[in-house]
PDB file of N, CA and C in Angstrom:
ATOM      1  N   MET A   1       0.843  -1.160   0.000  1.00  0.00           N
ATOM      2  CA  MET A   1       0.000   0.000   0.000  1.00  0.00           C
ATOM      3  C   MET A   1       0.894   1.230   0.000  1.00  0.00           C
ATOM      4  N   ARG A   2       0.563   2.190  -0.861  1.00  0.00           N
ATOM      5  CA  ARG A   2       1.286   3.444  -0.945  1.00  0.00           C
ATOM      6  C   ARG A   2       0.350   4.578  -0.605  1.00  0.00           C
ATOM      7  N   ILE A   3       0.839   5.604   0.075  1.00  0.00           N
ATOM      8  CA  ILE A   3       0.045   6.787   0.364  1.00  0.00           C
ATOM      9  C   ILE A   3       0.629   7.926  -0.441  1.00  0.00           C
ATOM     10  N   ARG A   4      -0.221   8.631  -1.189  1.00  0.00           N
ATOM     11  CA  ARG A   4       0.261   9.762  -1.969  1.00  0.00           C
ATOM     12  C   ARG A   4      -0.702  10.924  -1.820  1.00  0.00           C
ATOM     13  N   PRO A   5      -0.224  12.161  -1.910  1.00  0.00           N
ATOM     14  CA  PRO A   5      -1.107  13.321  -1.767  1.00  0.00           C
ATOM     15  C   PRO A   5      -2.046  13.452  -2.957  1.00  0.00           C
ATOM     16  N   LEU A   6      -3.283  13.919  -2.709  1.00  0.00           N
ATOM     17  CA  LEU A   6      -4.237  14.190  -3.778  1.00  0.00           C
ATOM     18  C   LEU A   6      -3.883  15.501  -4.464  1.00  0.00           C
ATOM     19  N   ASP A   7      -3.742  16.537  -3.686  1.00  0.00           N
ATOM     20  CA  ASP A   7      -3.492  17.870  -4.205  1.00  0.00           C
ATOM     21  C   ASP A   7      -2.735  18.635  -3.126  1.00  0.00           C
ATOM     22  N   PRO A   8      -1.597  19.228  -3.426  1.00  0.00           N
ATOM     23  CA  PRO A   8      -0.831  19.929  -2.395  1.00  0.00           C
ATOM     24  C   PRO A   8      -1.610  21.049  -1.717  1.00  0.00           C
ATOM     25  N   ALA A   9      -2.581  21.637  -2.404  1.00  0.00           N
ATOM     26  CA  ALA A   9      -3.356  22.737  -1.825  1.00  0.00           C
ATOM     27  C   ALA A   9      -4.491  22.241  -0.939  1.00  0.00           C
ATOM     28  N   TYR A  10      -4.778  20.932  -0.974  1.00  0.00           N
ATOM     29  CA  TYR A  10      -5.914  20.396  -0.215  1.00  0.00           C
ATOM     30  C   TYR A  10      -5.438  19.240   0.647  1.00  0.00           C
ATOM     31  N   PRO A  11      -5.688  19.294   1.968  1.00  0.00           N
ATOM     32  CA  PRO A  11      -5.215  18.190   2.818  1.00  0.00           C
ATOM     33  C   PRO A  11      -6.034  16.927   2.591  1.00  0.00           C
ATOM     34  N   GLY A  12      -5.408  15.898   2.158  1.00  0.00           N
ATOM     35  CA  GLY A  12      -6.078  14.621   1.930  1.00  0.00           C
ATOM     36  C   GLY A  12      -5.065  13.650   1.374  1.00  0.00           C
ATOM     37  N   CYS A  13      -5.471  12.422   1.209  1.00  0.00           N
ATOM     38  CA  CYS A  13      -4.544  11.468   0.615  1.00  0.00           C
ATOM     39  C   CYS A  13      -5.331  10.359  -0.066  1.00  0.00           C
ATOM     40  N   MET A  14      -4.634   9.659  -0.935  1.00  0.00           N
ATOM     41  CA  MET A  14      -5.208   8.549  -1.678  1.00  0.00           C
ATOM     42  C   MET A  14      -4.429   7.306  -1.287  1.00  0.00           C
ATOM     43  N   LEU A  15      -5.134   6.265  -0.892  1.00  0.00           N
ATOM     44  CA  LEU A  15      -4.477   5.000  -0.592  1.00  0.00           C
ATOM     45  C   LEU A  15      -4.596   4.117  -1.832  1.00  0.00           C
ATOM     46  N   ASP A  16      -3.476   3.853  -2.467  1.00  0.00           N
ATOM     47  CA  ASP A  16      -3.485   2.999  -3.653  1.00  0.00           C
ATOM     48  C   ASP A  16      -3.736   1.564  -3.226  1.00  0.00           C
ATOM     49  N   HIS A  17      -4.661   0.913  -3.909  1.00  0.00           N
ATOM     50  CA  HIS A  17      -4.981  -0.472  -3.580  1.00  0.00           C
ATOM     51  C   HIS A  17      -3.977  -1.396  -4.254  1.00  0.00           C
ATOM     52  N   VAL A  18      -3.388  -2.251  -3.467  1.00  0.00           N
ATOM     53  CA  VAL A  18      -2.478  -3.262  -3.975  1.00  0.00           C
ATOM     54  C   VAL A  18      -3.275  -4.559  -4.066  1.00  0.00           C
ATOM     55  N   PRO A  19      -3.332  -5.184  -5.236  1.00  0.00           N
ATOM     56  CA  PRO A  19      -4.117  -6.415  -5.383  1.00  0.00           C
ATOM     57  C   PRO A  19      -3.748  -7.457  -4.334  1.00  0.00           C
ATOM     58  N   GLY A  20      -4.774  -8.085  -3.765  1.00  0.00           N
ATOM     59  CA  GLY A  20      -4.564  -9.133  -2.783  1.00  0.00           C
ATOM     60  C   GLY A  20      -4.465  -8.638  -1.353  1.00  0.00           C
ATOM     61  N   ILE A  21      -4.506  -7.313  -1.141  1.00  0.00           N
ATOM     62  CA  ILE A  21      -4.431  -6.760   0.205  1.00  0.00           C
ATOM     63  C   ILE A  21      -5.752  -6.074   0.523  1.00  0.00           C
ATOM     64  N   ASP A  22      -6.373  -6.457   1.637  1.00  0.00           N
ATOM     65  CA  ASP A  22      -7.637  -5.868   2.070  1.00  0.00           C
ATOM     66  C   ASP A  22      -7.341  -4.582   2.845  1.00  0.00           C
ATOM     67  N   LEU A  23      -7.905  -3.455   2.408  1.00  0.00           N
ATOM     68  CA  LEU A  23      -7.667  -2.176   3.072  1.00  0.00           C
ATOM     69  C   LEU A  23      -8.744  -1.892   4.100  1.00  0.00           C
ATOM     70  N   THR A  24      -8.320  -1.622   5.315  1.00  0.00           N
ATOM     71  CA  THR A  24      -9.227  -1.150   6.350  1.00  0.00           C
ATOM     72  C   THR A  24      -8.571   0.060   6.994  1.00  0.00           C
ATOM     73  N   LEU A  25      -9.382   0.931   7.545  1.00  0.00           N
ATOM     74  CA  LEU A  25      -8.873   2.135   8.165  1.00  0.00           C
ATOM     75  C   LEU A  25      -9.282   2.132   9.622  1.00  0.00           C
ATOM     76  N   GLU A  26      -8.310   2.070  10.517  1.00  0.00           N
ATOM     77  CA  GLU A  26      -8.575   2.071  11.952  1.00  0.00           C
ATOM     78  C   GLU A  26      -8.071   3.392  12.530  1.00  0.00           C
ATOM     79  N   PRO A  27      -8.993   4.278  12.948  1.00  0.00           N
ATOM     80  CA  PRO A  27      -8.567   5.564  13.493  1.00  0.00           C
ATOM     81  C   PRO A  27      -7.888   5.402  14.848  1.00  0.00           C
ATOM     82  N   LEU A  28      -6.931   6.267  15.126  1.00  0.00           N
ATOM     83  CA  LEU A  28      -6.204   6.231  16.390  1.00  0.00           C
ATOM     84  C   LEU A  28      -6.658   7.366  17.303  1.00  0.00           C
ATOM     85  N   ASP A  29      -6.479   7.180  18.592  1.00  0.00           N
ATOM     86  CA  ASP A  29      -6.745   8.192  19.618  1.00  0.00           C
ATOM     87  C   ASP A  29      -8.149   8.793  19.476  1.00  0.00           C
ATOM     88  N   ASP A  30      -8.231  10.123  19.294  1.00  0.00           N
ATOM     89  CA  ASP A  30      -9.542  10.781  19.236  1.00  0.00           C
ATOM     90  C   ASP A  30     -10.019  11.019  17.803  1.00  0.00           C
ATOM     91  N   HIS A  31      -9.465  10.270  16.853  1.00  0.00           N
ATOM     92  CA  HIS A  31      -9.897  10.401  15.459  1.00  0.00           C
ATOM     93  C   HIS A  31     -11.072   9.467  15.171  1.00  0.00           C
ATOM     94  N   LEU A  32     -11.825   9.805  14.137  1.00  0.00           N
ATOM     95  CA  LEU A  32     -12.913   8.945  13.687  1.00  0.00           C
ATOM     96  C   LEU A  32     -13.038   9.028  12.185  1.00  0.00           C
ATOM     97  N   VAL A  33     -13.685   8.031  11.586  1.00  0.00           N
ATOM     98  CA  VAL A  33     -13.899   7.973  10.145  1.00  0.00           C
ATOM     99  C   VAL A  33     -15.378   8.202   9.886  1.00  0.00           C
ATOM    100  N   VAL A  34     -15.669   9.141   8.980  1.00  0.00           N
ATOM    101  CA  VAL A  34     -17.053   9.485   8.646  1.00  0.00           C
ATOM    102  C   VAL A  34     -17.271   9.299   7.153  1.00  0.00           C
ATOM    103  N   GLN A  35     -18.356   8.619   6.788  1.00  0.00           N
ATOM    104  CA  GLN A  35     -18.764   8.478   5.391  1.00  0.00           C
ATOM    105  C   GLN A  35     -19.734   9.615   5.100  1.00  0.00           C
ATOM    106  N   PRO A  36     -19.304  10.667   4.355  1.00  0.00           N
ATOM    107  CA  PRO A  36     -20.194  11.798   4.075  1.00  0.00           C
ATOM    108  C   PRO A  36     -21.408  11.353   3.268  1.00  0.00           C
ATOM    109  N   SER A  37     -22.555  11.981   3.541  1.00  0.00           N
ATOM    110  CA  SER A  37     -23.761  11.658   2.786  1.00  0.00           C
ATOM    111  C   SER A  37     -23.895  12.621   1.618  1.00  0.00           C
ATOM    112  N   ASP A  38     -24.550  12.173   0.583  1.00  0.00           N
ATOM    113  CA  ASP A  38     -24.779  12.987  -0.609  1.00  0.00           C
ATOM    114  C   ASP A  38     -26.228  13.432  -0.647  1.00  0.00           C
ATOM    115  N   GLU A  39     -26.652  14.125   0.392  1.00  0.00           N
ATOM    116  CA  GLU A  39     -28.046  14.551   0.476  1.00  0.00           C
ATOM    117  C   GLU A  39     -28.316  15.694  -0.491  1.00  0.00           C
ATOM    118  N   GLU A  40     -29.504  15.684  -1.085  1.00  0.00           N
ATOM    119  CA  GLU A  40     -29.945  16.754  -1.960  1.00  0.00           C
ATOM    120  C   GLU A  40     -31.285  17.252  -1.465  1.00  0.00           C
ATOM    121  N   THR A  41     -31.570  18.511  -1.725  1.00  0.00           N
ATOM    122  CA  THR A  41     -32.839  19.107  -1.341  1.00  0.00           C
ATOM    123  C   THR A  41     -33.597  19.490  -2.599  1.00  0.00           C
ATOM    124  N   GLU A  42     -34.903  19.200  -2.614  1.00  0.00           N
ATOM    125  CA  GLU A  42     -35.727  19.570  -3.754  1.00  0.00           C
ATOM    126  C   GLU A  42     -36.657  20.705  -3.341  1.00  0.00           C
ATOM    127  N   THR A  43     -36.665  21.780  -4.133  1.00  0.00           N
ATOM    128  CA  THR A  43     -37.519  22.932  -3.835  1.00  0.00           C
ATOM    129  C   THR A  43     -38.947  22.638  -4.273  1.00  0.00           C
ATOM    130  N   ARG A  44     -39.886  23.527  -3.887  1.00  0.00           N
ATOM    131  CA  ARG A  44     -41.292  23.362  -4.280  1.00  0.00           C
ATOM    132  C   ARG A  44     -41.455  23.328  -5.788  1.00  0.00           C
ATOM    133  N   GLY A  45     -40.604  24.057  -6.489  1.00  0.00           N
ATOM    134  CA  GLY A  45     -40.675  24.101  -7.950  1.00  0.00           C
ATOM    135  C   GLY A  45     -40.006  22.920  -8.627  1.00  0.00           C
ATOM    136  N   GLY A  46     -39.426  22.018  -7.839  1.00  0.00           N
ATOM    137  CA  GLY A  46     -38.795  20.825  -8.397  1.00  0.00           C
ATOM    138  C   GLY A  46     -37.305  20.976  -8.672  1.00  0.00           C
ATOM    139  N   LEU A  47     -36.738  22.121  -8.313  1.00  0.00           N
ATOM    140  CA  LEU A  47     -35.312  22.331  -8.505  1.00  0.00           C
ATOM    141  C   LEU A  47     -34.538  21.555  -7.437  1.00  0.00           C
ATOM    142  N   ILE A  48     -33.556  20.774  -7.848  1.00  0.00           N
ATOM    143  CA  ILE A  48     -32.763  19.988  -6.910  1.00  0.00           C
ATOM    144  C   ILE A  48     -31.477  20.750  -6.603  1.00  0.00           C
ATOM    145  N   ILE A  49     -31.268  21.004  -5.311  1.00  0.00           N
ATOM    146  CA  ILE A  49     -30.078  21.722  -4.861  1.00  0.00           C
ATOM    147  C   ILE A  49     -29.149  20.714  -4.194  1.00  0.00           C
ATOM    148  N   PRO A  50     -27.952  20.504  -4.750  1.00  0.00           N
ATOM    149  CA  PRO A  50     -27.027  19.563  -4.109  1.00  0.00           C
ATOM    150  C   PRO A  50     -26.585  20.070  -2.751  1.00  0.00           C
ATOM    151  N   ALA A  51     -26.261  19.161  -1.861  1.00  0.00           N
ATOM    152  CA  ALA A  51     -25.845  19.525  -0.508  1.00  0.00           C
ATOM    153  C   ALA A  51     -24.632  20.438  -0.525  1.00  0.00           C
ATOM    154  N   SER A  52     -23.766  20.294  -1.502  1.00  0.00           N
ATOM    155  CA  SER A  52     -22.546  21.104  -1.558  1.00  0.00           C
ATOM    156  C   SER A  52     -22.843  22.580  -1.795  1.00  0.00           C
ATOM    157  N   ALA A  53     -24.001  22.898  -2.356  1.00  0.00           N
ATOM    158  CA  ALA A  53     -24.340  24.284  -2.650  1.00  0.00           C
ATOM    159  C   ALA A  53     -25.132  24.938  -1.526  1.00  0.00           C
ATOM    160  N   GLU A  54     -25.642  24.160  -0.595  1.00  0.00           N
ATOM    161  CA  GLU A  54     -26.535  24.690   0.425  1.00  0.00           C
ATOM    162  C   GLU A  54     -25.844  25.476   1.520  1.00  0.00           C
ATOM    163  N   ASN A  55     -24.896  24.884   2.191  1.00  0.00           N
ATOM    164  CA  ASN A  55     -24.245  25.565   3.308  1.00  0.00           C
ATOM    165  C   ASN A  55     -22.866  24.991   3.562  1.00  0.00           C
ATOM    166  N   ARG A  56     -22.255  25.420   4.628  1.00  0.00           N
ATOM    167  CA  ARG A  56     -20.890  25.004   4.913  1.00  0.00           C
ATOM    168  C   ARG A  56     -20.824  23.806   5.847  1.00  0.00           C
ATOM    169  N   CYS A  57     -21.954  23.202   6.190  1.00  0.00           N
ATOM    170  CA  CYS A  57     -21.975  22.004   7.039  1.00  0.00           C
ATOM    171  C   CYS A  57     -22.412  20.804   6.220  1.00  0.00           C
ATOM    172  N   GLN A  58     -22.046  19.640   6.694  1.00  0.00           N
ATOM    173  CA  GLN A  58     -22.357  18.400   5.999  1.00  0.00           C
ATOM    174  C   GLN A  58     -22.710  17.333   7.015  1.00  0.00           C
ATOM    175  N   THR A  59     -23.516  16.371   6.614  1.00  0.00           N
ATOM    176  CA  THR A  59     -23.819  15.239   7.481  1.00  0.00           C
ATOM    177  C   THR A  59     -23.112  13.999   6.949  1.00  0.00           C
ATOM    178  N   GLY A  60     -22.956  13.032   7.831  1.00  0.00           N
ATOM    179  CA  GLY A  60     -22.350  11.775   7.444  1.00  0.00           C
ATOM    180  C   GLY A  60     -22.572  10.739   8.526  1.00  0.00           C
ATOM    181  N   VAL A  61     -22.174   9.522   8.244  1.00  0.00           N
ATOM    182  CA  VAL A  61     -22.339   8.415   9.183  1.00  0.00           C
ATOM    183  C   VAL A  61     -20.958   7.974   9.659  1.00  0.00           C
ATOM    184  N   VAL A  62     -20.796   7.865  10.972  1.00  0.00           N
ATOM    185  CA  VAL A  62     -19.537   7.421  11.559  1.00  0.00           C
ATOM    186  C   VAL A  62     -19.367   5.935  11.249  1.00  0.00           C
ATOM    187  N   THR A  63     -18.211   5.583  10.680  1.00  0.00           N
ATOM    188  CA  THR A  63     -17.965   4.180  10.346  1.00  0.00           C
ATOM    189  C   THR A  63     -16.947   3.523  11.276  1.00  0.00           C
ATOM    190  N   ALA A  64     -16.079   4.335  11.913  1.00  0.00           N
ATOM    191  CA  ALA A  64     -15.087   3.788  12.841  1.00  0.00           C
ATOM    192  C   ALA A  64     -14.658   4.893  13.805  1.00  0.00           C
ATOM    193  N   VAL A  65     -14.337   4.510  15.047  1.00  0.00           N
ATOM    194  CA  VAL A  65     -13.902   5.489  16.050  1.00  0.00           C
ATOM    195  C   VAL A  65     -12.618   5.015  16.728  1.00  0.00           C
ATOM    196  N   GLY A  66     -11.787   5.974  17.121  1.00  0.00           N
ATOM    197  CA  GLY A  66     -10.573   5.678  17.872  1.00  0.00           C
ATOM    198  C   GLY A  66     -10.898   5.422  19.332  1.00  0.00           C
ATOM    199  N   SER A  67      -9.932   4.970  20.075  1.00  0.00           N
ATOM    200  CA  SER A  67     -10.151   4.585  21.467  1.00  0.00           C
ATOM    201  C   SER A  67     -10.499   5.761  22.375  1.00  0.00           C
ATOM    202  N   GLU A  68     -10.121   6.984  22.006  1.00  0.00           N
ATOM    203  CA  GLU A  68     -10.376   8.151  22.849  1.00  0.00           C
ATOM    204  C   GLU A  68     -11.474   9.063  22.295  1.00  0.00           C
ATOM    205  N   ALA A  69     -12.219   8.613  21.298  1.00  0.00           N
ATOM    206  CA  ALA A  69     -13.286   9.420  20.692  1.00  0.00           C
ATOM    207  C   ALA A  69     -14.607   9.114  21.383  1.00  0.00           C
ATOM    208  N   GLY A  70     -14.714   9.482  22.648  1.00  0.00           N
ATOM    209  CA  GLY A  70     -15.902   9.176  23.446  1.00  0.00           C
ATOM    210  C   GLY A  70     -17.148   9.907  22.985  1.00  0.00           C
ATOM    211  N   GLY A  71     -18.284   9.288  23.246  1.00  0.00           N
ATOM    212  CA  GLY A  71     -19.576   9.890  22.937  1.00  0.00           C
ATOM    213  C   GLY A  71     -20.066   9.653  21.524  1.00  0.00           C
ATOM    214  N   VAL A  72     -19.279   8.987  20.703  1.00  0.00           N
ATOM    215  CA  VAL A  72     -19.655   8.717  19.320  1.00  0.00           C
ATOM    216  C   VAL A  72     -19.420   7.245  19.043  1.00  0.00           C
ATOM    217  N   GLU A  73     -20.368   6.624  18.340  1.00  0.00           N
ATOM    218  CA  GLU A  73     -20.244   5.204  18.006  1.00  0.00           C
ATOM    219  C   GLU A  73     -20.447   5.003  16.522  1.00  0.00           C
ATOM    220  N   PRO A  74     -19.909   3.917  15.963  1.00  0.00           N
ATOM    221  CA  PRO A  74     -20.176   3.623  14.561  1.00  0.00           C
ATOM    222  C   PRO A  74     -21.680   3.532  14.320  1.00  0.00           C
ATOM    223  N   GLY A  75     -22.126   4.119  13.227  1.00  0.00           N
ATOM    224  CA  GLY A  75     -23.548   4.134  12.892  1.00  0.00           C
ATOM    225  C   GLY A  75     -24.229   5.442  13.246  1.00  0.00           C
ATOM    226  N   ASP A  76     -23.598   6.290  14.076  1.00  0.00           N
ATOM    227  CA  ASP A  76     -24.177   7.588  14.427  1.00  0.00           C
ATOM    228  C   ASP A  76     -24.142   8.518  13.216  1.00  0.00           C
ATOM    229  N   LYS A  77     -25.230   9.271  13.013  1.00  0.00           N
ATOM    230  CA  LYS A  77     -25.266  10.305  11.979  1.00  0.00           C
ATOM    231  C   LYS A  77     -24.830  11.601  12.643  1.00  0.00           C
ATOM    232  N   VAL A  78     -23.851  12.294  12.033  1.00  0.00           N
ATOM    233  CA  VAL A  78     -23.266  13.483  12.651  1.00  0.00           C
ATOM    234  C   VAL A  78     -23.235  14.656  11.676  1.00  0.00           C
ATOM    235  N   LEU A  79     -23.102  15.851  12.257  1.00  0.00           N
ATOM    236  CA  LEU A  79     -22.990  17.098  11.501  1.00  0.00           C
ATOM    237  C   LEU A  79     -21.583  17.640  11.723  1.00  0.00           C
ATOM    238  N   PHE A  80     -20.921  18.069  10.639  1.00  0.00           N
ATOM    239  CA  PHE A  80     -19.558  18.580  10.739  1.00  0.00           C
ATOM    240  C   PHE A  80     -19.315  19.621   9.650  1.00  0.00           C
ATOM    241  N   PRO A  81     -18.328  20.508   9.851  1.00  0.00           N
ATOM    242  CA  PRO A  81     -17.990  21.494   8.821  1.00  0.00           C
ATOM    243  C   PRO A  81     -17.410  20.803   7.583  1.00  0.00           C
ATOM    244  N   ARG A  82     -17.692  21.322   6.413  1.00  0.00           N
ATOM    245  CA  ARG A  82     -17.164  20.736   5.173  1.00  0.00           C
ATOM    246  C   ARG A  82     -15.641  20.654   5.159  1.00  0.00           C
ATOM    247  N   GLU A  83     -14.988  21.608   5.826  1.00  0.00           N
ATOM    248  CA  GLU A  83     -13.527  21.652   5.808  1.00  0.00           C
ATOM    249  C   GLU A  83     -12.889  20.753   6.868  1.00  0.00           C
ATOM    250  N   ALA A  84     -13.681  20.079   7.679  1.00  0.00           N
ATOM    251  CA  ALA A  84     -13.155  19.285   8.796  1.00  0.00           C
ATOM    252  C   ALA A  84     -12.352  18.082   8.305  1.00  0.00           C
ATOM    253  N   GLY A  85     -11.281  17.806   9.007  1.00  0.00           N
ATOM    254  CA  GLY A  85     -10.510  16.583   8.787  1.00  0.00           C
ATOM    255  C   GLY A  85      -9.807  16.494   7.453  1.00  0.00           C
ATOM    256  N   TYR A  86      -9.589  15.255   7.034  1.00  0.00           N
ATOM    257  CA  TYR A  86      -8.870  14.943   5.804  1.00  0.00           C
ATOM    258  C   TYR A  86      -9.715  14.004   4.960  1.00  0.00           C
ATOM    259  N   GLU A  87      -9.726  14.237   3.663  1.00  0.00           N
ATOM    260  CA  GLU A  87     -10.415  13.322   2.763  1.00  0.00           C
ATOM    261  C   GLU A  87      -9.464  12.194   2.405  1.00  0.00           C
ATOM    262  N   VAL A  88      -9.950  10.971   2.523  1.00  0.00           N
ATOM    263  CA  VAL A  88      -9.160   9.790   2.170  1.00  0.00           C
ATOM    264  C   VAL A  88     -10.011   8.952   1.235  1.00  0.00           C
ATOM    265  N   ARG A  89      -9.414   8.487   0.153  1.00  0.00           N
ATOM    266  CA  ARG A  89     -10.136   7.630  -0.792  1.00  0.00           C
ATOM    267  C   ARG A  89      -9.647   6.200  -0.619  1.00  0.00           C
ATOM    268  N   LEU A  90     -10.589   5.327  -0.303  1.00  0.00           N
ATOM    269  CA  LEU A  90     -10.296   3.896  -0.141  1.00  0.00           C
ATOM    270  C   LEU A  90     -11.050   3.133  -1.204  1.00  0.00           C
ATOM    271  N   ALA A  91     -10.341   2.487  -2.095  1.00  0.00           N
ATOM    272  CA  ALA A  91     -10.955   1.679  -3.145  1.00  0.00           C
ATOM    273  C   ALA A  91     -12.045   2.461  -3.881  1.00  0.00           C
ATOM    274  N   GLY A  92     -11.774   3.733  -4.185  1.00  0.00           N
ATOM    275  CA  GLY A  92     -12.709   4.552  -4.942  1.00  0.00           C
ATOM    276  C   GLY A  92     -13.789   5.228  -4.127  1.00  0.00           C
ATOM    277  N   SER A  93     -13.861   4.975  -2.843  1.00  0.00           N
ATOM    278  CA  SER A  93     -14.877   5.576  -1.977  1.00  0.00           C
ATOM    279  C   SER A  93     -14.222   6.627  -1.083  1.00  0.00           C
ATOM    280  N   ALA A  94     -14.801   7.832  -1.047  1.00  0.00           N
ATOM    281  CA  ALA A  94     -14.232   8.922  -0.242  1.00  0.00           C
ATOM    282  C   ALA A  94     -14.810   8.904   1.169  1.00  0.00           C
ATOM    283  N   VAL A  95     -13.939   8.977   2.165  1.00  0.00           N
ATOM    284  CA  VAL A  95     -14.334   9.097   3.569  1.00  0.00           C
ATOM    285  C   VAL A  95     -13.559  10.274   4.156  1.00  0.00           C
ATOM    286  N   ARG A  96     -13.985  10.760   5.323  1.00  0.00           N
ATOM    287  CA  ARG A  96     -13.285  11.839   6.013  1.00  0.00           C
ATOM    288  C   ARG A  96     -12.750  11.299   7.331  1.00  0.00           C
ATOM    289  N   VAL A  97     -11.490  11.584   7.616  1.00  0.00           N
ATOM    290  CA  VAL A  97     -10.879  11.233   8.893  1.00  0.00           C
ATOM    291  C   VAL A  97     -10.709  12.547   9.644  1.00  0.00           C
ATOM    292  N   MET A  98     -11.328  12.642  10.833  1.00  0.00           N
ATOM    293  CA  MET A  98     -11.297  13.894  11.583  1.00  0.00           C
ATOM    294  C   MET A  98     -11.200  13.625  13.068  1.00  0.00           C
ATOM    295  N   ARG A  99     -10.905  14.669  13.816  1.00  0.00           N
ATOM    296  CA  ARG A  99     -10.867  14.573  15.273  1.00  0.00           C
ATOM    297  C   ARG A  99     -12.278  14.679  15.831  1.00  0.00           C
ATOM    298  N   ARG A 100     -12.498  14.064  16.972  1.00  0.00           N
ATOM    299  CA  ARG A 100     -13.806  14.084  17.644  1.00  0.00           C
ATOM    300  C   ARG A 100     -14.264  15.516  17.896  1.00  0.00           C
ATOM    301  N   GLY A 101     -13.355  16.415  18.232  1.00  0.00           N
ATOM    302  CA  GLY A 101     -13.684  17.801  18.530  1.00  0.00           C
ATOM    303  C   GLY A 101     -14.179  18.601  17.339  1.00  0.00           C
ATOM    304  N   GLU A 102     -14.004  18.083  16.119  1.00  0.00           N
ATOM    305  CA  GLU A 102     -14.471  18.787  14.924  1.00  0.00           C
ATOM    306  C   GLU A 102     -15.961  18.564  14.654  1.00  0.00           C
ATOM    307  N   LEU A 103     -16.560  17.580  15.323  1.00  0.00           N
ATOM    308  CA  LEU A 103     -17.991  17.332  15.129  1.00  0.00           C
ATOM    309  C   LEU A 103     -18.803  18.440  15.770  1.00  0.00           C
ATOM    310  N   ILE A 104     -19.905  18.806  15.127  1.00  0.00           N
ATOM    311  CA  ILE A 104     -20.786  19.852  15.652  1.00  0.00           C
ATOM    312  C   ILE A 104     -21.918  19.237  16.470  1.00  0.00           C
ATOM    313  N   ALA A 105     -22.542  18.173  15.935  1.00  0.00           N
ATOM    314  CA  ALA A 105     -23.700  17.587  16.615  1.00  0.00           C
ATOM    315  C   ALA A 105     -23.961  16.182  16.107  1.00  0.00           C
ATOM    316  N   ARG A 106     -24.740  15.428  16.873  1.00  0.00           N
ATOM    317  CA  ARG A 106     -25.267  14.135  16.451  1.00  0.00           C
ATOM    318  C   ARG A 106     -26.664  14.414  15.903  1.00  0.00           C
ATOM    319  N   VAL A 107     -27.016  13.807  14.795  1.00  0.00           N
ATOM    320  CA  VAL A 107     -28.311  14.027  14.140  1.00  0.00           C
ATOM    321  C   VAL A 107     -29.234  12.857  14.448  1.00  0.00           C
ATOM    322  N   HIS A 108     -30.427  13.151  14.960  1.00  0.00           N
ATOM    323  CA  HIS A 108     -31.424  12.113  15.224  1.00  0.00           C
ATOM    324  C   HIS A 108     -32.552  12.281  14.219  1.00  0.00           C
ATOM    325  N   ASP A 109     -32.776  11.263  13.398  1.00  0.00           N
ATOM    326  CA  ASP A 109     -33.862  11.310  12.402  1.00  0.00           C
ATOM    327  C   ASP A 109     -35.164  10.868  13.007  1.00  0.00           C
TER     328      ASP A 109
END
């Protein structure tokens, strides 16, 4: 497995998949892994506004937590700033790795 930067101007990284090796991401300390959601809003007139155009916050589902990231469990839906943490691409899927303190709230549907 090799780690390489996505873009020098943007903090994130790409994990290249090596055939035959299963990639998992285990956060350390107070870090956690969040799968951002691609929510869209539809107006009364039928116009669809992507979540990226609405505001500076985003929701996602926690997929893994570090040993010191108390109060959050895998499966929790959370609210966080778009700029929080680092974007990591695993096998073509983008996730965010961030500190517990970067979360704004837990979302209850």
